[in-house]
N, C-alpha and C. Protein backbone atom coordinates (compact mmCIF):
# COMPACT_ATOMS: atom_id res chain seq x y z
N MET A 1 0.80 -1.17 0.05
CA MET A 1 -0.07 0.02 -0.02
C MET A 1 0.87 1.27 -0.03
N ALA A 2 0.52 2.26 -0.81
CA ALA A 2 1.32 3.51 -0.84
C ALA A 2 1.06 4.35 0.39
N ASP A 3 2.06 5.06 0.62
CA ASP A 3 1.94 6.08 1.76
C ASP A 3 0.89 7.09 1.48
N VAL A 4 0.20 7.48 2.52
CA VAL A 4 -0.85 8.49 2.48
C VAL A 4 -0.23 9.82 2.92
N LYS A 5 -0.36 10.83 2.14
CA LYS A 5 0.27 12.11 2.44
C LYS A 5 -0.78 13.19 2.70
N VAL A 6 -0.63 13.99 3.73
CA VAL A 6 -1.49 15.13 4.04
C VAL A 6 -0.64 16.37 4.05
N ASN A 7 -0.90 17.17 3.02
CA ASN A 7 -0.03 18.45 2.93
C ASN A 7 -0.73 19.56 3.78
N VAL A 8 0.22 20.42 4.30
CA VAL A 8 -0.30 21.59 5.16
C VAL A 8 0.19 22.87 4.51
N TYR A 9 -0.62 23.78 4.41
CA TYR A 9 -0.38 25.10 3.62
C TYR A 9 -0.58 26.35 4.45
N THR A 10 0.15 27.40 4.17
CA THR A 10 -0.17 28.73 4.76
C THR A 10 -1.47 29.26 4.08
N PRO A 11 -2.00 30.44 4.71
CA PRO A 11 -3.21 30.98 3.97
C PRO A 11 -2.81 31.45 2.57
N ALA A 12 -1.53 31.71 2.32
CA ALA A 12 -1.21 32.11 0.93
C ALA A 12 -0.92 30.96 -0.01
N GLY A 13 -1.08 29.78 0.49
CA GLY A 13 -0.88 28.53 -0.38
C GLY A 13 0.41 27.94 -0.41
N LYS A 14 1.43 28.48 0.44
CA LYS A 14 2.72 27.97 0.45
C LYS A 14 2.78 26.70 1.37
N ASN A 15 3.45 25.70 0.77
CA ASN A 15 3.51 24.39 1.48
C ASN A 15 4.49 24.46 2.74
N VAL A 16 3.97 24.23 3.93
CA VAL A 16 4.81 24.25 5.13
C VAL A 16 5.38 22.81 5.48
N GLY A 17 4.73 21.86 4.89
CA GLY A 17 5.12 20.55 5.28
C GLY A 17 4.07 19.45 5.02
N TYR A 18 4.25 18.26 5.47
CA TYR A 18 3.30 17.28 5.21
C TYR A 18 3.48 16.17 6.27
N PHE A 19 2.37 15.37 6.48
CA PHE A 19 2.34 14.24 7.23
C PHE A 19 2.40 13.08 6.33
N ILE A 20 3.06 11.89 6.78
CA ILE A 20 3.04 10.66 6.07
C ILE A 20 2.27 9.63 6.98
N ASN A 21 1.23 9.07 6.31
CA ASN A 21 0.44 7.94 7.04
C ASN A 21 -0.01 8.56 8.47
N PRO A 22 -0.69 9.70 8.50
CA PRO A 22 -1.09 10.15 9.87
C PRO A 22 -2.28 9.46 10.32
N GLU A 23 -2.54 9.58 11.67
CA GLU A 23 -3.89 9.11 12.25
C GLU A 23 -4.75 10.42 12.18
N VAL A 24 -5.97 10.27 11.55
CA VAL A 24 -6.84 11.35 11.51
C VAL A 24 -8.10 10.99 12.28
N LYS A 25 -8.50 11.82 13.22
CA LYS A 25 -9.66 11.53 14.00
C LYS A 25 -10.70 12.65 13.63
N ALA A 26 -11.94 12.26 13.32
CA ALA A 26 -13.00 12.98 13.00
C ALA A 26 -13.93 13.18 14.23
N TYR A 27 -14.40 14.39 14.59
CA TYR A 27 -15.23 14.70 15.72
C TYR A 27 -16.45 15.37 15.24
N PRO A 28 -17.53 15.30 15.93
CA PRO A 28 -18.82 15.97 15.56
C PRO A 28 -18.54 17.43 15.18
N ALA A 29 -19.44 17.95 14.36
CA ALA A 29 -19.39 19.30 13.87
C ALA A 29 -18.29 19.67 12.97
N GLY A 30 -17.69 18.64 12.35
CA GLY A 30 -16.55 18.78 11.40
C GLY A 30 -15.14 19.13 11.99
N ASP A 31 -14.95 18.84 13.34
CA ASP A 31 -13.62 19.11 13.76
C ASP A 31 -12.84 17.80 13.54
N TYR A 32 -11.45 18.02 13.31
CA TYR A 32 -10.53 16.99 13.03
C TYR A 32 -9.25 17.14 13.87
N GLU A 33 -8.54 16.13 14.09
CA GLU A 33 -7.21 16.05 14.74
C GLU A 33 -6.32 15.13 13.87
N ILE A 34 -5.22 15.65 13.49
CA ILE A 34 -4.27 14.96 12.66
C ILE A 34 -2.95 14.67 13.51
N THR A 35 -2.43 13.47 13.65
CA THR A 35 -1.31 13.22 14.49
C THR A 35 -0.45 12.28 13.59
N GLY A 36 0.94 12.57 13.67
CA GLY A 36 1.76 11.64 13.03
C GLY A 36 3.11 12.29 12.73
N ASP A 37 3.96 11.63 11.92
CA ASP A 37 5.29 12.04 11.60
C ASP A 37 5.06 13.22 10.54
N PHE A 38 5.67 14.42 10.80
CA PHE A 38 5.54 15.59 10.05
C PHE A 38 6.94 15.91 9.42
N PHE A 39 6.90 16.29 8.13
CA PHE A 39 8.16 16.43 7.30
C PHE A 39 8.11 17.80 6.80
N GLU A 40 9.22 18.50 6.65
CA GLU A 40 9.34 19.78 5.95
C GLU A 40 9.25 19.53 4.43
N PRO A 41 8.92 20.57 3.73
CA PRO A 41 8.82 20.41 2.25
C PRO A 41 10.18 19.78 1.68
N THR A 42 11.22 19.97 2.28
CA THR A 42 12.56 19.39 1.76
C THR A 42 12.62 17.91 2.09
N GLY A 43 11.74 17.28 2.84
CA GLY A 43 11.78 15.90 3.15
C GLY A 43 12.40 15.61 4.56
N GLU A 44 12.96 16.70 5.10
CA GLU A 44 13.58 16.48 6.44
C GLU A 44 12.50 16.41 7.55
N LYS A 45 12.77 15.55 8.51
CA LYS A 45 11.89 15.35 9.63
C LYS A 45 12.41 16.14 10.86
N PRO A 46 11.84 17.34 11.23
CA PRO A 46 12.34 18.10 12.32
C PRO A 46 11.97 17.44 13.70
N THR A 47 12.79 17.67 14.72
CA THR A 47 12.47 17.15 16.03
C THR A 47 11.20 17.77 16.57
N ARG A 48 11.16 19.15 16.25
CA ARG A 48 9.98 19.86 16.68
C ARG A 48 9.68 21.02 15.73
N ILE A 49 8.47 21.50 15.66
CA ILE A 49 8.21 22.61 14.84
C ILE A 49 7.68 23.75 15.79
N ASP A 50 7.94 25.01 15.39
CA ASP A 50 7.59 26.19 16.19
C ASP A 50 6.04 26.45 15.79
N PHE A 51 5.42 26.95 16.77
CA PHE A 51 4.07 27.35 16.42
C PHE A 51 3.65 28.56 17.29
N ASN A 52 2.83 29.41 16.66
CA ASN A 52 2.38 30.55 17.43
C ASN A 52 0.91 30.61 17.38
N PRO A 53 0.20 30.44 18.51
CA PRO A 53 -1.28 30.33 18.42
C PRO A 53 -1.89 31.54 17.89
N GLU A 54 -1.19 32.68 17.85
CA GLU A 54 -1.76 33.91 17.29
C GLU A 54 -1.53 33.98 15.82
N ALA A 55 -0.78 33.18 15.21
CA ALA A 55 -0.48 33.21 13.75
C ALA A 55 -1.57 32.94 12.94
N MET A 56 -1.60 33.20 11.67
CA MET A 56 -2.61 32.87 10.69
C MET A 56 -2.72 31.32 10.67
N PRO A 57 -4.00 30.78 10.72
CA PRO A 57 -4.10 29.36 10.69
C PRO A 57 -3.74 28.75 9.29
N TYR A 58 -3.33 27.58 9.35
CA TYR A 58 -3.00 26.73 8.20
C TYR A 58 -4.27 26.10 7.56
N THR A 59 -4.05 25.51 6.38
CA THR A 59 -5.04 24.69 5.69
C THR A 59 -4.37 23.29 5.54
N ALA A 60 -5.21 22.30 5.44
CA ALA A 60 -4.70 20.91 5.21
C ALA A 60 -5.51 20.23 4.10
N ASP A 61 -4.85 19.50 3.27
CA ASP A 61 -5.44 18.70 2.17
C ASP A 61 -5.58 17.28 2.55
N LEU A 62 -6.72 16.87 2.85
CA LEU A 62 -7.01 15.37 3.22
C LEU A 62 -7.33 14.57 2.02
N GLY A 63 -7.21 15.07 0.74
CA GLY A 63 -7.68 14.42 -0.33
C GLY A 63 -7.18 13.02 -0.52
N ASP A 64 -5.84 12.88 -0.36
CA ASP A 64 -5.23 11.52 -0.46
C ASP A 64 -5.69 10.71 0.68
N TYR A 65 -5.86 11.26 1.89
CA TYR A 65 -6.38 10.36 3.08
C TYR A 65 -7.75 9.93 2.77
N CYS A 66 -8.64 10.80 2.28
CA CYS A 66 -10.02 10.41 2.02
C CYS A 66 -10.11 9.28 0.90
N ASN A 67 -9.20 9.32 -0.06
CA ASN A 67 -9.21 8.24 -1.08
C ASN A 67 -9.05 6.83 -0.46
N ASN A 68 -8.30 6.82 0.62
CA ASN A 68 -8.08 5.54 1.43
C ASN A 68 -8.98 5.34 2.57
N ASN A 69 -9.71 6.28 3.04
CA ASN A 69 -10.60 6.17 4.24
C ASN A 69 -11.88 6.84 3.95
N PRO A 70 -12.85 6.19 3.46
CA PRO A 70 -14.15 6.80 3.15
C PRO A 70 -14.97 7.35 4.32
N LYS A 71 -14.46 7.01 5.56
CA LYS A 71 -15.15 7.51 6.80
C LYS A 71 -14.95 9.01 6.95
N VAL A 72 -13.91 9.60 6.39
CA VAL A 72 -13.66 11.00 6.39
C VAL A 72 -14.30 11.80 5.35
N SER A 73 -15.20 12.57 5.76
CA SER A 73 -16.12 13.32 4.67
C SER A 73 -15.57 14.60 4.19
N HIS A 74 -14.57 15.30 4.77
CA HIS A 74 -13.99 16.42 4.30
C HIS A 74 -12.62 16.28 3.67
N LYS A 75 -12.48 16.87 2.52
CA LYS A 75 -11.09 16.82 1.83
C LYS A 75 -10.18 17.92 2.10
N LYS A 76 -10.74 19.03 2.68
CA LYS A 76 -9.97 20.21 3.00
C LYS A 76 -10.29 20.47 4.53
N LEU A 77 -9.24 20.97 5.22
CA LEU A 77 -9.47 21.50 6.51
C LEU A 77 -8.95 22.98 6.60
N SER A 78 -9.71 23.83 7.36
CA SER A 78 -9.36 25.14 7.47
C SER A 78 -9.07 25.41 8.94
N SER A 79 -8.67 26.51 9.34
CA SER A 79 -8.34 26.86 10.76
C SER A 79 -7.46 25.69 11.38
N VAL A 80 -6.46 25.43 10.74
CA VAL A 80 -5.54 24.27 11.23
C VAL A 80 -4.56 24.86 12.14
N TYR A 81 -4.37 24.42 13.31
CA TYR A 81 -3.44 25.00 14.29
C TYR A 81 -2.61 23.81 14.85
N VAL A 82 -1.37 24.09 15.17
CA VAL A 82 -0.42 23.14 15.86
C VAL A 82 -0.88 22.99 17.24
N GLN A 83 -1.13 21.75 17.68
CA GLN A 83 -1.46 21.54 19.10
C GLN A 83 -0.20 20.95 19.82
N SER A 84 0.59 20.13 19.19
CA SER A 84 1.74 19.64 19.79
C SER A 84 2.83 19.79 18.87
N GLY A 85 3.94 20.54 19.15
CA GLY A 85 5.07 20.81 18.28
C GLY A 85 6.16 19.87 18.29
N ARG A 86 6.14 18.76 19.13
CA ARG A 86 7.06 17.79 19.02
C ARG A 86 6.64 16.52 18.39
N GLN A 87 7.52 15.84 17.59
CA GLN A 87 7.12 14.63 17.04
C GLN A 87 6.63 13.55 17.90
N PRO A 88 5.62 12.76 17.72
CA PRO A 88 4.69 13.11 16.54
C PRO A 88 3.92 14.31 16.72
N ILE A 89 3.81 15.08 15.66
CA ILE A 89 3.06 16.33 15.59
C ILE A 89 1.61 16.13 15.66
N THR A 90 0.87 17.09 16.45
CA THR A 90 -0.63 17.06 16.36
C THR A 90 -1.10 18.45 15.89
N MET A 91 -1.97 18.39 14.91
CA MET A 91 -2.73 19.64 14.45
C MET A 91 -4.18 19.29 14.55
N SER A 92 -4.96 20.44 14.68
CA SER A 92 -6.44 20.32 14.70
C SER A 92 -6.97 21.31 13.72
N GLY A 93 -8.22 21.06 13.14
CA GLY A 93 -8.67 21.89 12.19
C GLY A 93 -10.23 21.65 11.94
N GLN A 94 -10.86 22.42 11.07
CA GLN A 94 -12.26 22.25 10.79
C GLN A 94 -12.42 21.89 9.31
N GLY A 95 -13.30 20.98 9.11
CA GLY A 95 -13.58 20.46 7.74
C GLY A 95 -14.40 21.60 7.04
N LYS A 96 -14.17 21.70 5.78
CA LYS A 96 -14.87 22.61 4.90
C LYS A 96 -15.30 22.00 3.57
């Protein structure tokens, strides 16, 4: 089975990194939590990533994940924030 990739972007559309084979939890009202190994766009796996809760939120593309997991109904997440900055990284967001 091929690796499942979830890309994370800035509001301007710049790729900030990606998860490989993450665990995605869906909650009521379209809330999601993504946890797993996070890589920079260069392919490097940082020990931790910086986050500022006051920064503009990211977006996440769950399209590849949805293709392999029909229980997830949203292909895009908005308002994505880093919840845990050490590997494995955890982010949360809203389905749109």
